[in-house]
Amino acid sequence: MRKALALTAILFSLAGCATTANYEKILNSWVGFTELDLIRKWGPPQQSYEAGGRKFLVYSSSRNVYLPGTAPSYTTTVIGNTAYTNRVGGTPSQNIGLSCQTTFEISSEKIVSWRWQGNDCTALE
């Protein structure tokens, strides 16, 4: 549990003040705009499909973040003529996969809703 909290804190510090709430503010600002407006700003989507008379545009991103480990410290205890050295702490390095998939729903050429999923759908304020 402590390791997960530390990892979350490190990822949050790497992202600065990037939050999902800020990302959702950006997505909300697109509701009512046209599909063409979105494509001009975000570029072509990675996927698009139609269902139920609606069009869906899917934007995806992924990246890896390398977190270097921390070195352990060592303690040495001498008992009689023998020295015992123990490793204390330290963490291994980690490679963390981050991704975000955002889908915009289009009706009558206007954006009517959106949804996102992933662990990297954040934005700065």
Protein backbone atom coordinates (compact mmCIF):
# COMPACT_ATOMS: atom_id res chain seq x y z
CA MET A 1 0.00 0.00 0.00
CA ARG A 2 2.80 2.42 0.90
CA LYS A 3 4.50 1.65 -2.40
CA ALA A 4 1.31 2.44 -4.32
CA LEU A 5 0.90 5.75 -2.46
CA ALA A 6 4.51 6.67 -3.15
CA LEU A 7 4.08 5.82 -6.83
CA THR A 8 0.92 7.92 -7.03
CA ALA A 9 2.73 10.83 -5.39
CA ILE A 10 5.62 10.55 -7.86
CA LEU A 11 3.30 10.41 -10.87
CA PHE A 12 1.32 13.37 -9.56
CA SER A 13 4.50 15.39 -9.08
CA LEU A 14 5.56 14.53 -12.64
CA ALA A 15 2.22 15.78 -13.91
CA GLY A 16 2.38 19.03 -11.92
CA CYS A 17 -1.18 20.22 -11.42
CA ALA A 18 -2.59 18.06 -14.20
CA THR A 19 -5.91 16.54 -13.10
CA THR A 20 -8.79 14.62 -14.62
CA ALA A 21 -11.10 17.46 -13.55
CA ASN A 22 -9.10 19.87 -15.72
CA TYR A 23 -9.26 17.38 -18.60
CA GLU A 24 -13.03 17.15 -18.22
CA LYS A 25 -13.30 20.96 -18.31
CA ILE A 26 -11.53 20.90 -21.67
CA LEU A 27 -13.81 18.15 -22.96
CA ASN A 28 -16.91 20.00 -21.75
CA SER A 29 -15.77 23.09 -23.65
CA TRP A 30 -16.04 21.10 -26.91
CA VAL A 31 -19.75 20.26 -26.53
CA GLY A 32 -21.66 22.19 -29.21
CA PHE A 33 -18.66 22.60 -31.51
CA THR A 34 -18.59 20.90 -34.90
CA GLU A 35 -16.73 17.76 -35.86
CA LEU A 36 -14.63 19.87 -38.24
CA ASP A 37 -13.64 22.25 -35.41
CA LEU A 38 -12.45 19.29 -33.34
CA ILE A 39 -10.46 17.74 -36.18
CA ARG A 40 -8.82 21.08 -36.97
CA LYS A 41 -7.62 21.37 -33.35
CA TRP A 42 -6.99 17.73 -32.31
CA GLY A 43 -6.07 16.34 -35.74
CA PRO A 44 -7.58 13.26 -37.34
CA PRO A 45 -8.92 10.67 -34.87
CA GLN A 46 -7.31 7.25 -34.54
CA GLN A 47 -10.72 5.62 -35.03
CA SER A 48 -14.22 6.62 -36.05
CA TYR A 49 -17.42 4.60 -36.25
CA GLU A 50 -21.15 5.06 -36.53
CA ALA A 51 -23.92 3.50 -34.47
CA GLY A 52 -27.55 4.43 -33.88
CA GLY A 53 -27.38 7.37 -36.26
CA ARG A 54 -24.49 8.87 -34.28
CA LYS A 55 -20.81 9.21 -35.16
CA PHE A 56 -18.01 8.56 -32.69
CA LEU A 57 -14.46 9.91 -32.96
CA VAL A 58 -11.80 8.17 -30.85
CA TYR A 59 -8.50 9.79 -29.86
CA SER A 60 -5.86 7.68 -28.13
CA SER A 61 -2.48 8.35 -26.59
CA SER A 62 0.00 6.21 -24.71
CA ARG A 63 3.45 6.66 -23.23
CA ASN A 64 5.85 5.07 -20.78
CA VAL A 65 7.39 6.79 -17.78
CA TYR A 66 10.59 5.43 -16.28
CA LEU A 67 10.92 5.84 -12.52
CA PRO A 68 14.44 5.19 -11.30
CA GLY A 69 14.82 3.20 -8.13
CA THR A 70 16.37 4.42 -4.92
CA ALA A 71 19.54 3.01 -3.45
CA PRO A 72 19.32 1.10 -0.21
CA SER A 73 21.27 2.01 2.90
CA TYR A 74 23.29 -0.52 4.82
CA THR A 75 23.78 -1.11 8.51
CA THR A 76 26.62 -3.11 9.94
CA THR A 77 26.51 -4.77 13.31
CA VAL A 78 29.57 -6.32 14.89
CA ILE A 79 29.01 -9.25 17.20
CA GLY A 80 32.23 -10.64 18.61
CA ASN A 81 34.72 -10.93 15.74
CA THR A 82 32.00 -11.09 13.04
CA ALA A 83 30.47 -8.18 11.15
CA TYR A 84 26.92 -8.51 9.81
CA THR A 85 25.77 -6.11 7.12
CA ASN A 86 22.07 -5.72 6.36
CA ARG A 87 20.44 -3.92 3.49
CA VAL A 88 17.71 -1.45 4.50
CA GLY A 89 15.14 0.10 2.14
CA GLY A 90 15.67 0.95 -1.49
CA THR A 91 13.23 0.47 -4.32
CA PRO A 92 13.60 -1.09 -7.77
CA SER A 93 13.22 1.00 -10.91
CA GLN A 94 9.87 0.80 -12.70
CA ASN A 95 8.53 1.42 -16.17
CA ILE A 96 4.92 2.66 -15.96
CA GLY A 97 2.54 2.52 -18.93
CA LEU A 98 0.19 5.50 -19.22
CA SER A 99 -2.71 5.79 -21.66
CA CYS A 100 -5.81 7.82 -22.42
CA GLN A 101 -8.65 7.16 -24.83
CA THR A 102 -11.22 9.89 -25.45
CA THR A 103 -14.38 9.35 -27.49
CA PHE A 104 -16.51 12.22 -28.78
CA GLU A 105 -20.12 11.56 -29.81
CA ILE A 106 -21.32 13.54 -32.84
CA SER A 107 -24.97 14.16 -33.74
CA SER A 108 -26.07 16.48 -36.56
CA GLU A 109 -22.39 17.39 -37.07
CA LYS A 110 -22.11 18.75 -33.50
CA ILE A 111 -20.33 17.27 -30.48
CA VAL A 112 -23.02 16.22 -28.00
CA SER A 113 -21.02 14.21 -25.44
CA TRP A 114 -17.70 12.63 -24.64
CA ARG A 115 -16.16 9.93 -22.45
CA TRP A 116 -12.63 9.07 -21.46
CA GLN A 117 -10.86 6.07 -20.02
CA GLY A 118 -7.30 5.42 -18.91
CA ASN A 119 -4.76 6.49 -16.32
CA ASP A 120 -3.34 9.49 -18.21
CA CYS A 121 -6.44 11.56 -19.06
CA THR A 122 -5.28 14.72 -17.31
CA ALA A 123 -4.66 18.34 -18.21
CA LEU A 124 -3.15 21.43 -16.66
CA GLU A 125 -5.52 24.16 -15.59
